[in-house]
Amino acid sequence: KDMPSQASTLIEKLKNDPKVDFENDWKLLTLWIGGNDLCAYCKSGDDHTPENYAKYIEQALDSLLEVPRLFVNLVEIIDVTKLYPVHNGLCDTLHSIECKCGTVEVSSVLSR
C-alpha cells in the first residue's frame, strides 16, 4: 500500500544525495514485497485485495521509470501457507501476531 510513496521518497533521496550521480550511476533496487500485504488481507481484506496489490506495484514501478540506469529486481511473495504445519507454542504465538494466514488451514485462507 505504501509502495508508491516509498518509491517517490527513494527517487527524491537519489536525486538529492551528493554521493549519487543520478543520471550516470547504475542502481540496483530489490523489491521484496507482499508478505505484510498478504497478512493484512487476512486481518482486513478491504484495502488489501489482489487488485489493489497489483495496482500499488504498478504505480511504484511506473514512477521508478524516471530513474535512469536502474535495474529492478522484483522478488516474489513467499507462500505463508507453508507455515501452517509448523506447530509449537512459540511459533503459534508468533504466527498469530505476525501473520494469521500462516496459522490457519489453507482452505480457510483460500475461501476469502
N, C-alpha and C. Protein backbone atom coordinates (compact mmCIF):
# COMPACT_ATOMS: atom_id res chain seq x y z
N LYS A 1 0.82 -1.19 0.00
CA LYS A 1 0.00 0.00 0.00
C LYS A 1 0.87 1.26 0.00
N ASP A 2 1.99 1.19 0.69
CA ASP A 2 2.87 2.35 0.79
C ASP A 2 3.91 2.40 -0.31
N MET A 3 3.92 1.41 -1.17
CA MET A 3 4.98 1.33 -2.17
C MET A 3 5.06 2.55 -3.08
N PRO A 4 3.98 3.11 -3.60
CA PRO A 4 4.12 4.30 -4.45
C PRO A 4 4.79 5.47 -3.72
N SER A 5 4.41 5.71 -2.49
CA SER A 5 5.04 6.82 -1.76
C SER A 5 6.49 6.50 -1.40
N GLN A 6 6.78 5.24 -1.13
CA GLN A 6 8.15 4.84 -0.85
C GLN A 6 9.03 5.00 -2.09
N ALA A 7 8.49 4.69 -3.25
CA ALA A 7 9.23 4.88 -4.50
C ALA A 7 9.52 6.36 -4.72
N SER A 8 8.55 7.22 -4.48
CA SER A 8 8.75 8.66 -4.62
C SER A 8 9.82 9.17 -3.66
N THR A 9 9.79 8.68 -2.43
CA THR A 9 10.79 9.07 -1.45
C THR A 9 12.18 8.63 -1.89
N LEU A 10 12.29 7.41 -2.40
CA LEU A 10 13.57 6.91 -2.88
C LEU A 10 14.11 7.78 -4.01
N ILE A 11 13.25 8.13 -4.95
CA ILE A 11 13.67 8.95 -6.09
C ILE A 11 14.21 10.30 -5.60
N GLU A 12 13.50 10.91 -4.68
CA GLU A 12 13.97 12.21 -4.15
C GLU A 12 15.30 12.06 -3.43
N LYS A 13 15.47 10.99 -2.68
CA LYS A 13 16.74 10.77 -1.98
C LYS A 13 17.87 10.55 -2.96
N LEU A 14 17.62 9.80 -4.01
CA LEU A 14 18.65 9.58 -5.03
C LEU A 14 19.03 10.89 -5.72
N LYS A 15 18.05 11.71 -6.01
CA LYS A 15 18.32 12.98 -6.68
C LYS A 15 19.10 13.95 -5.80
N ASN A 16 18.87 13.88 -4.49
CA ASN A 16 19.46 14.85 -3.57
C ASN A 16 20.72 14.36 -2.87
N ASP A 17 21.09 13.13 -3.06
CA ASP A 17 22.29 12.60 -2.39
C ASP A 17 23.53 13.01 -3.18
N PRO A 18 24.44 13.75 -2.56
CA PRO A 18 25.64 14.20 -3.29
C PRO A 18 26.56 13.05 -3.68
N LYS A 19 26.40 11.90 -3.07
CA LYS A 19 27.23 10.74 -3.40
C LYS A 19 26.71 9.99 -4.64
N VAL A 20 25.51 10.35 -5.09
CA VAL A 20 24.88 9.65 -6.22
C VAL A 20 24.84 10.57 -7.43
N ASP A 21 25.39 10.09 -8.53
CA ASP A 21 25.24 10.77 -9.81
C ASP A 21 23.97 10.20 -10.43
N PHE A 22 22.87 10.90 -10.23
CA PHE A 22 21.55 10.39 -10.59
C PHE A 22 21.48 9.97 -12.06
N GLU A 23 22.06 10.74 -12.93
CA GLU A 23 21.96 10.45 -14.36
C GLU A 23 22.90 9.34 -14.83
N ASN A 24 24.06 9.19 -14.20
CA ASN A 24 25.09 8.30 -14.73
C ASN A 24 25.40 7.06 -13.90
N ASP A 25 25.12 7.08 -12.62
CA ASP A 25 25.40 5.89 -11.79
C ASP A 25 24.38 4.79 -12.08
N TRP A 26 24.87 3.55 -12.09
CA TRP A 26 23.97 2.40 -12.18
C TRP A 26 23.40 2.14 -10.80
N LYS A 27 22.14 1.74 -10.77
CA LYS A 27 21.45 1.50 -9.50
C LYS A 27 20.76 0.14 -9.56
N LEU A 28 20.71 -0.52 -8.42
CA LEU A 28 20.02 -1.80 -8.30
C LEU A 28 19.03 -1.70 -7.15
N LEU A 29 17.79 -1.99 -7.42
CA LEU A 29 16.74 -1.93 -6.41
C LEU A 29 16.07 -3.30 -6.34
N THR A 30 16.03 -3.86 -5.16
CA THR A 30 15.33 -5.12 -4.95
C THR A 30 14.05 -4.84 -4.17
N LEU A 31 12.93 -5.22 -4.74
CA LEU A 31 11.63 -5.08 -4.09
C LEU A 31 11.18 -6.46 -3.63
N TRP A 32 11.24 -6.67 -2.34
CA TRP A 32 10.77 -7.92 -1.75
C TRP A 32 9.52 -7.55 -0.99
N ILE A 33 8.42 -7.75 -1.62
CA ILE A 33 7.18 -7.18 -1.10
C ILE A 33 6.09 -8.22 -1.02
N GLY A 34 5.06 -7.86 -0.30
CA GLY A 34 3.85 -8.66 -0.33
C GLY A 34 3.50 -9.37 0.95
N GLY A 35 4.49 -9.77 1.73
CA GLY A 35 4.20 -10.51 2.96
C GLY A 35 3.30 -9.73 3.91
N ASN A 36 3.62 -8.47 4.11
CA ASN A 36 2.80 -7.65 5.00
C ASN A 36 1.40 -7.44 4.44
N ASP A 37 1.32 -7.25 3.12
CA ASP A 37 0.01 -7.07 2.50
C ASP A 37 -0.84 -8.33 2.60
N LEU A 38 -0.20 -9.48 2.38
CA LEU A 38 -0.93 -10.74 2.48
C LEU A 38 -1.44 -10.95 3.90
N CYS A 39 -0.59 -10.70 4.85
CA CYS A 39 -1.02 -10.87 6.24
C CYS A 39 -2.10 -9.86 6.62
N ALA A 40 -2.01 -8.64 6.10
CA ALA A 40 -3.04 -7.64 6.36
C ALA A 40 -4.37 -8.06 5.73
N TYR A 41 -4.31 -8.74 4.59
CA TYR A 41 -5.53 -9.21 3.92
C TYR A 41 -6.30 -10.16 4.83
N CYS A 42 -5.57 -11.00 5.55
CA CYS A 42 -6.23 -11.94 6.45
C CYS A 42 -6.93 -11.23 7.60
N LYS A 43 -6.39 -10.08 8.00
CA LYS A 43 -6.99 -9.32 9.09
C LYS A 43 -8.16 -8.48 8.58
N SER A 44 -7.95 -7.84 7.44
CA SER A 44 -8.95 -6.95 6.87
C SER A 44 -8.70 -6.85 5.39
N GLY A 45 -9.44 -7.57 4.59
CA GLY A 45 -9.18 -7.66 3.17
C GLY A 45 -9.58 -6.46 2.34
N ASP A 46 -10.26 -5.49 2.92
CA ASP A 46 -10.81 -4.38 2.15
C ASP A 46 -9.78 -3.65 1.29
N ASP A 47 -8.68 -3.19 1.89
CA ASP A 47 -7.67 -2.44 1.15
C ASP A 47 -6.60 -3.34 0.54
N HIS A 48 -6.61 -4.60 0.89
CA HIS A 48 -5.51 -5.49 0.53
C HIS A 48 -5.94 -6.58 -0.44
N THR A 49 -6.76 -6.21 -1.40
CA THR A 49 -7.20 -7.16 -2.41
C THR A 49 -6.07 -7.41 -3.40
N PRO A 50 -6.10 -8.52 -4.12
CA PRO A 50 -5.08 -8.75 -5.15
C PRO A 50 -5.03 -7.62 -6.19
N GLU A 51 -6.19 -7.05 -6.50
CA GLU A 51 -6.23 -5.96 -7.48
C GLU A 51 -5.48 -4.72 -6.96
N ASN A 52 -5.72 -4.38 -5.71
CA ASN A 52 -5.02 -3.24 -5.12
C ASN A 52 -3.52 -3.52 -5.00
N TYR A 53 -3.19 -4.73 -4.62
CA TYR A 53 -1.79 -5.14 -4.50
C TYR A 53 -1.07 -4.92 -5.83
N ALA A 54 -1.66 -5.38 -6.92
CA ALA A 54 -1.07 -5.21 -8.26
C ALA A 54 -1.02 -3.73 -8.65
N LYS A 55 -2.06 -2.99 -8.29
CA LYS A 55 -2.11 -1.55 -8.62
C LYS A 55 -0.97 -0.80 -7.93
N TYR A 56 -0.73 -1.09 -6.65
CA TYR A 56 0.34 -0.40 -5.92
C TYR A 56 1.71 -0.74 -6.50
N ILE A 57 1.91 -1.99 -6.88
CA ILE A 57 3.18 -2.37 -7.51
C ILE A 57 3.35 -1.62 -8.82
N GLU A 58 2.31 -1.61 -9.63
CA GLU A 58 2.37 -0.93 -10.93
C GLU A 58 2.65 0.56 -10.77
N GLN A 59 1.99 1.21 -9.82
CA GLN A 59 2.21 2.64 -9.59
C GLN A 59 3.66 2.92 -9.20
N ALA A 60 4.19 2.09 -8.32
CA ALA A 60 5.57 2.28 -7.88
C ALA A 60 6.54 2.07 -9.03
N LEU A 61 6.35 0.99 -9.77
CA LEU A 61 7.24 0.71 -10.90
C LEU A 61 7.15 1.79 -11.96
N ASP A 62 5.95 2.32 -12.20
CA ASP A 62 5.79 3.41 -13.17
C ASP A 62 6.59 4.63 -12.75
N SER A 63 6.54 4.97 -11.46
CA SER A 63 7.28 6.15 -11.01
C SER A 63 8.79 5.92 -11.07
N LEU A 64 9.22 4.68 -10.89
CA LEU A 64 10.65 4.37 -10.95
C LEU A 64 11.21 4.44 -12.37
N LEU A 65 10.35 4.51 -13.36
CA LEU A 65 10.80 4.63 -14.74
C LEU A 65 11.60 5.92 -14.98
N GLU A 66 11.41 6.91 -14.11
CA GLU A 66 12.14 8.16 -14.28
C GLU A 66 13.59 8.07 -13.79
N VAL A 67 13.95 6.97 -13.15
CA VAL A 67 15.32 6.81 -12.65
C VAL A 67 16.16 6.15 -13.74
N PRO A 68 17.15 6.88 -14.25
CA PRO A 68 17.98 6.30 -15.30
C PRO A 68 18.92 5.24 -14.73
N ARG A 69 19.23 4.26 -15.58
CA ARG A 69 20.19 3.20 -15.24
C ARG A 69 19.79 2.46 -13.95
N LEU A 70 18.54 2.11 -13.86
CA LEU A 70 18.02 1.40 -12.69
C LEU A 70 17.60 -0.01 -13.08
N PHE A 71 18.16 -0.98 -12.40
CA PHE A 71 17.69 -2.36 -12.51
C PHE A 71 16.77 -2.62 -11.33
N VAL A 72 15.61 -3.21 -11.59
CA VAL A 72 14.66 -3.54 -10.53
C VAL A 72 14.53 -5.04 -10.46
N ASN A 73 14.77 -5.57 -9.29
CA ASN A 73 14.64 -6.99 -9.02
C ASN A 73 13.38 -7.15 -8.17
N LEU A 74 12.35 -7.74 -8.74
CA LEU A 74 11.08 -7.93 -8.04
C LEU A 74 11.04 -9.36 -7.51
N VAL A 75 11.08 -9.48 -6.19
CA VAL A 75 11.11 -10.79 -5.54
C VAL A 75 9.68 -11.21 -5.21
N GLU A 76 9.39 -12.41 -5.58
CA GLU A 76 8.05 -12.98 -5.40
C GLU A 76 7.69 -13.12 -3.92
N ILE A 77 6.41 -12.97 -3.65
CA ILE A 77 5.89 -13.13 -2.29
C ILE A 77 6.10 -14.58 -1.82
N ILE A 78 6.39 -14.74 -0.55
CA ILE A 78 6.56 -16.09 -0.01
C ILE A 78 5.20 -16.72 0.23
N ASP A 79 5.15 -18.01 0.19
CA ASP A 79 3.91 -18.75 0.42
C ASP A 79 3.78 -18.99 1.92
N VAL A 80 3.06 -18.09 2.61
CA VAL A 80 2.96 -18.19 4.07
C VAL A 80 2.11 -19.38 4.50
N THR A 81 1.35 -19.97 3.59
CA THR A 81 0.55 -21.13 3.99
C THR A 81 1.45 -22.32 4.33
N LYS A 82 2.71 -22.27 3.89
CA LYS A 82 3.66 -23.34 4.24
C LYS A 82 4.00 -23.31 5.73
N LEU A 83 3.66 -22.22 6.41
CA LEU A 83 3.93 -22.11 7.84
C LEU A 83 2.95 -22.94 8.68
N TYR A 84 1.79 -23.28 8.10
CA TYR A 84 0.76 -23.97 8.88
C TYR A 84 1.26 -25.24 9.56
N PRO A 85 2.03 -26.10 8.89
CA PRO A 85 2.47 -27.33 9.55
C PRO A 85 3.46 -27.12 10.69
N VAL A 86 4.02 -25.93 10.82
CA VAL A 86 5.00 -25.67 11.88
C VAL A 86 4.22 -25.29 13.14
N HIS A 87 3.99 -26.27 13.97
CA HIS A 87 3.20 -26.02 15.18
C HIS A 87 4.03 -26.27 16.42
N ASN A 88 4.15 -25.27 17.22
CA ASN A 88 4.59 -25.39 18.61
C ASN A 88 4.16 -24.10 19.28
N GLY A 89 4.28 -24.03 20.56
CA GLY A 89 3.76 -22.88 21.30
C GLY A 89 4.30 -21.55 20.82
N LEU A 90 5.62 -21.44 20.69
CA LEU A 90 6.23 -20.18 20.29
C LEU A 90 5.83 -19.80 18.87
N CYS A 91 5.94 -20.76 17.93
CA CYS A 91 5.59 -20.45 16.53
C CYS A 91 4.12 -20.06 16.41
N ASP A 92 3.24 -20.77 17.09
CA ASP A 92 1.81 -20.44 17.01
C ASP A 92 1.56 -19.03 17.52
N THR A 93 2.22 -18.67 18.61
CA THR A 93 2.05 -17.33 19.17
C THR A 93 2.56 -16.27 18.20
N LEU A 94 3.77 -16.48 17.68
CA LEU A 94 4.34 -15.51 16.74
C LEU A 94 3.52 -15.41 15.47
N HIS A 95 3.09 -16.56 14.93
CA HIS A 95 2.29 -16.54 13.70
C HIS A 95 0.98 -15.80 13.91
N SER A 96 0.35 -16.01 15.06
CA SER A 96 -0.93 -15.35 15.29
C SER A 96 -0.77 -13.84 15.42
N ILE A 97 0.40 -13.39 15.85
CA ILE A 97 0.67 -11.96 15.95
C ILE A 97 1.11 -11.40 14.60
N GLU A 98 2.07 -12.06 13.97
CA GLU A 98 2.68 -11.55 12.75
C GLU A 98 1.83 -11.80 11.50
N CYS A 99 1.31 -13.02 11.38
CA CYS A 99 0.61 -13.34 10.14
C CYS A 99 -0.35 -14.50 10.37
N LYS A 100 -1.58 -14.17 10.59
CA LYS A 100 -2.59 -15.19 10.84
C LYS A 100 -2.75 -16.14 9.65
N CYS A 101 -2.44 -15.68 8.46
CA CYS A 101 -2.56 -16.54 7.27
C CYS A 101 -1.71 -17.79 7.41
N GLY A 102 -0.63 -17.72 8.13
CA GLY A 102 0.26 -18.86 8.28
C GLY A 102 -0.14 -19.79 9.40
N THR A 103 -1.21 -19.45 10.13
CA THR A 103 -1.59 -20.28 11.26
C THR A 103 -2.94 -20.95 11.07
N VAL A 104 -3.53 -20.78 9.91
CA VAL A 104 -4.82 -21.42 9.64
C VAL A 104 -4.66 -22.35 8.45
N GLU A 105 -5.59 -23.26 8.31
CA GLU A 105 -5.52 -24.18 7.18
C GLU A 105 -5.68 -23.43 5.87
N VAL A 106 -5.04 -23.95 4.83
CA VAL A 106 -5.04 -23.31 3.52
C VAL A 106 -6.47 -23.08 3.04
N SER A 107 -7.34 -24.02 3.25
CA SER A 107 -8.71 -23.90 2.72
C SER A 107 -9.43 -22.70 3.30
N SER A 108 -9.18 -22.36 4.56
CA SER A 108 -9.87 -21.20 5.14
C SER A 108 -9.30 -19.90 4.62
N VAL A 109 -8.01 -19.86 4.27
CA VAL A 109 -7.42 -18.67 3.68
C VAL A 109 -7.91 -18.50 2.26
N LEU A 110 -7.95 -19.58 1.50
CA LEU A 110 -8.35 -19.51 0.10
C LEU A 110 -9.84 -19.23 -0.08
N SER A 111 -10.63 -19.46 0.96
CA SER A 111 -12.06 -19.27 0.83
C SER A 111 -12.47 -17.80 0.97
N ARG A 112 -11.53 -16.93 1.31
CA ARG A 112 -11.85 -15.50 1.47
C ARG A 112 -12.20 -14.86 0.18
